[in-house]
Every structure is written in structure tokens, then in C-alpha cells.
Amino acid sequence: MATLLPKMPPQTLYVTVHRDELRRLREERDRLQQQVVQLSQQLQQAKSDNKNILS
């Protein structure tokens, strides 16, 4: 038999981020987004090459 627990109200979490850390995180995000674009293009090229080989 399960024990019922009273529902707790949601809690808010406050986080402090320093400017230099925020800048570093943004730069990392931008690099990762560029990598996703590059890998997506490589995948499309590989799919296209594969279609040409099979044709």
C-alpha cells in the first residue's frame, strides 16, 4: 500500500551567474550550434553520396 504525502508547493531556485561565466557559456553554446550545423551538412552530404552510389 502506498503512503500518501501532502503536495508541497513549487519552490523557486535562484542562481547567480557571473558575467564571465555567462559569456563562456554563450560561447560554448554558439560553438555547439555551429557544430550541429556542420554535422547536419555532413550527414546530408553522406545521404546524397549514398543515393548516388545506389543509383
N, C-alpha and C. Protein backbone atom coordinates (compact mmCIF):
# COMPACT_ATOMS: atom_id res chain seq x y z
N MET A 1 0.84 -1.17 0.00
CA MET A 1 0.00 0.00 0.00
C MET A 1 0.90 1.25 0.00
N ALA A 2 0.59 2.21 -0.84
CA ALA A 2 1.40 3.41 -0.97
C ALA A 2 1.07 4.40 0.12
N THR A 3 2.09 5.13 0.53
CA THR A 3 1.91 6.19 1.53
C THR A 3 1.63 7.49 0.80
N LEU A 4 0.58 8.17 1.17
CA LEU A 4 0.25 9.45 0.55
C LEU A 4 1.00 10.57 1.26
N LEU A 5 1.66 11.40 0.47
CA LEU A 5 2.39 12.54 1.02
C LEU A 5 1.66 13.81 0.64
N PRO A 6 1.64 14.80 1.52
CA PRO A 6 0.98 16.05 1.17
C PRO A 6 1.74 16.74 0.02
N LYS A 7 0.98 17.34 -0.90
CA LYS A 7 1.61 18.02 -2.03
C LYS A 7 2.29 19.29 -1.54
N MET A 8 3.57 19.41 -1.90
CA MET A 8 4.35 20.58 -1.50
C MET A 8 4.23 21.65 -2.59
N PRO A 9 4.17 22.91 -2.20
CA PRO A 9 4.12 23.97 -3.21
C PRO A 9 5.45 24.03 -3.97
N PRO A 10 5.42 24.44 -5.25
CA PRO A 10 6.66 24.51 -6.02
C PRO A 10 7.62 25.51 -5.38
N GLN A 11 8.90 25.19 -5.51
CA GLN A 11 9.93 26.07 -4.96
C GLN A 11 10.67 26.75 -6.09
N THR A 12 11.11 27.96 -5.87
CA THR A 12 11.87 28.71 -6.86
C THR A 12 13.35 28.63 -6.50
N LEU A 13 14.15 28.33 -7.50
CA LEU A 13 15.59 28.24 -7.30
C LEU A 13 16.24 29.47 -7.93
N TYR A 14 17.00 30.19 -7.14
CA TYR A 14 17.70 31.36 -7.64
C TYR A 14 19.17 31.01 -7.81
N VAL A 15 19.72 31.35 -8.98
CA VAL A 15 21.11 31.04 -9.28
C VAL A 15 21.82 32.31 -9.68
N THR A 16 23.02 32.47 -9.19
CA THR A 16 23.83 33.62 -9.58
C THR A 16 24.87 33.16 -10.58
N VAL A 17 24.93 33.86 -11.72
CA VAL A 17 25.91 33.54 -12.74
C VAL A 17 26.73 34.79 -12.99
N HIS A 18 28.03 34.66 -12.90
CA HIS A 18 28.91 35.80 -13.14
C HIS A 18 28.98 36.08 -14.63
N ARG A 19 29.26 37.33 -14.96
CA ARG A 19 29.31 37.73 -16.38
C ARG A 19 30.29 36.89 -17.18
N ASP A 20 31.47 36.66 -16.63
CA ASP A 20 32.47 35.89 -17.39
C ASP A 20 32.01 34.45 -17.61
N GLU A 21 31.33 33.89 -16.65
CA GLU A 21 30.81 32.53 -16.81
C GLU A 21 29.68 32.52 -17.83
N LEU A 22 28.83 33.52 -17.80
CA LEU A 22 27.73 33.61 -18.76
C LEU A 22 28.29 33.76 -20.18
N ARG A 23 29.32 34.59 -20.32
CA ARG A 23 29.96 34.76 -21.63
C ARG A 23 30.55 33.45 -22.12
N ARG A 24 31.21 32.72 -21.22
CA ARG A 24 31.81 31.44 -21.59
C ARG A 24 30.73 30.44 -22.00
N LEU A 25 29.63 30.42 -21.28
CA LEU A 25 28.53 29.51 -21.62
C LEU A 25 27.91 29.86 -22.97
N ARG A 26 27.77 31.15 -23.23
CA ARG A 26 27.23 31.58 -24.53
C ARG A 26 28.16 31.19 -25.67
N GLU A 27 29.46 31.36 -25.45
CA GLU A 27 30.44 30.98 -26.47
C GLU A 27 30.39 29.47 -26.72
N GLU A 28 30.28 28.71 -25.66
CA GLU A 28 30.19 27.26 -25.80
C GLU A 28 28.90 26.87 -26.55
N ARG A 29 27.80 27.53 -26.22
CA ARG A 29 26.53 27.28 -26.92
C ARG A 29 26.67 27.58 -28.41
N ASP A 30 27.31 28.71 -28.74
CA ASP A 30 27.50 29.08 -30.14
C ASP A 30 28.36 28.06 -30.87
N ARG A 31 29.44 27.60 -30.22
CA ARG A 31 30.30 26.57 -30.84
C ARG A 31 29.52 25.29 -31.08
N LEU A 32 28.71 24.89 -30.10
CA LEU A 32 27.93 23.67 -30.25
C LEU A 32 26.89 23.80 -31.35
N GLN A 33 26.27 24.97 -31.46
CA GLN A 33 25.29 25.19 -32.53
C GLN A 33 25.97 25.13 -33.89
N GLN A 34 27.17 25.69 -34.01
CA GLN A 34 27.91 25.62 -35.26
C GLN A 34 28.28 24.17 -35.59
N GLN A 35 28.62 23.41 -34.57
CA GLN A 35 28.97 22.01 -34.78
C GLN A 35 27.75 21.21 -35.25
N VAL A 36 26.59 21.51 -34.70
CA VAL A 36 25.36 20.85 -35.13
C VAL A 36 25.09 21.15 -36.60
N VAL A 37 25.26 22.39 -37.01
CA VAL A 37 25.05 22.77 -38.40
C VAL A 37 26.03 22.02 -39.30
N GLN A 38 27.29 21.98 -38.89
CA GLN A 38 28.32 21.31 -39.68
C GLN A 38 28.03 19.81 -39.81
N LEU A 39 27.66 19.18 -38.70
CA LEU A 39 27.38 17.75 -38.73
C LEU A 39 26.11 17.45 -39.54
N SER A 40 25.14 18.33 -39.46
CA SER A 40 23.93 18.16 -40.26
C SER A 40 24.25 18.23 -41.75
N GLN A 41 25.11 19.16 -42.12
CA GLN A 41 25.51 19.27 -43.52
C GLN A 41 26.28 18.03 -43.97
N GLN A 42 27.16 17.53 -43.12
CA GLN A 42 27.91 16.32 -43.45
C GLN A 42 26.97 15.13 -43.61
N LEU A 43 25.97 15.04 -42.76
CA LEU A 43 25.01 13.96 -42.84
C LEU A 43 24.22 14.04 -44.14
N GLN A 44 23.77 15.25 -44.50
CA GLN A 44 23.04 15.42 -45.75
C GLN A 44 23.92 15.04 -46.94
N GLN A 45 25.19 15.43 -46.90
CA GLN A 45 26.12 15.11 -47.98
C GLN A 45 26.32 13.60 -48.07
N ALA A 46 26.46 12.94 -46.92
CA ALA A 46 26.65 11.49 -46.91
C ALA A 46 25.41 10.78 -47.45
N LYS A 47 24.23 11.27 -47.12
CA LYS A 47 22.98 10.68 -47.63
C LYS A 47 22.92 10.86 -49.15
N SER A 48 23.30 12.05 -49.61
CA SER A 48 23.28 12.33 -51.04
C SER A 48 24.28 11.45 -51.77
N ASP A 49 25.48 11.31 -51.21
CA ASP A 49 26.50 10.45 -51.81
C ASP A 49 26.03 9.00 -51.86
N ASN A 50 25.37 8.56 -50.81
CA ASN A 50 24.89 7.19 -50.74
C ASN A 50 23.82 6.94 -51.80
N LYS A 51 22.93 7.92 -52.02
CA LYS A 51 21.90 7.79 -53.05
C LYS A 51 22.54 7.69 -54.43
N ASN A 52 23.60 8.48 -54.65
CA ASN A 52 24.28 8.47 -55.95
C ASN A 52 24.97 7.13 -56.19
N ILE A 53 25.51 6.54 -55.16
CA ILE A 53 26.18 5.25 -55.28
C ILE A 53 25.17 4.16 -55.60
N LEU A 54 24.02 4.22 -54.95
CA LEU A 54 22.99 3.19 -55.14
C LEU A 54 22.26 3.34 -56.47
N SER A 55 22.33 4.52 -57.07
CA SER A 55 21.59 4.75 -58.34
C SER A 55 22.33 4.18 -59.51
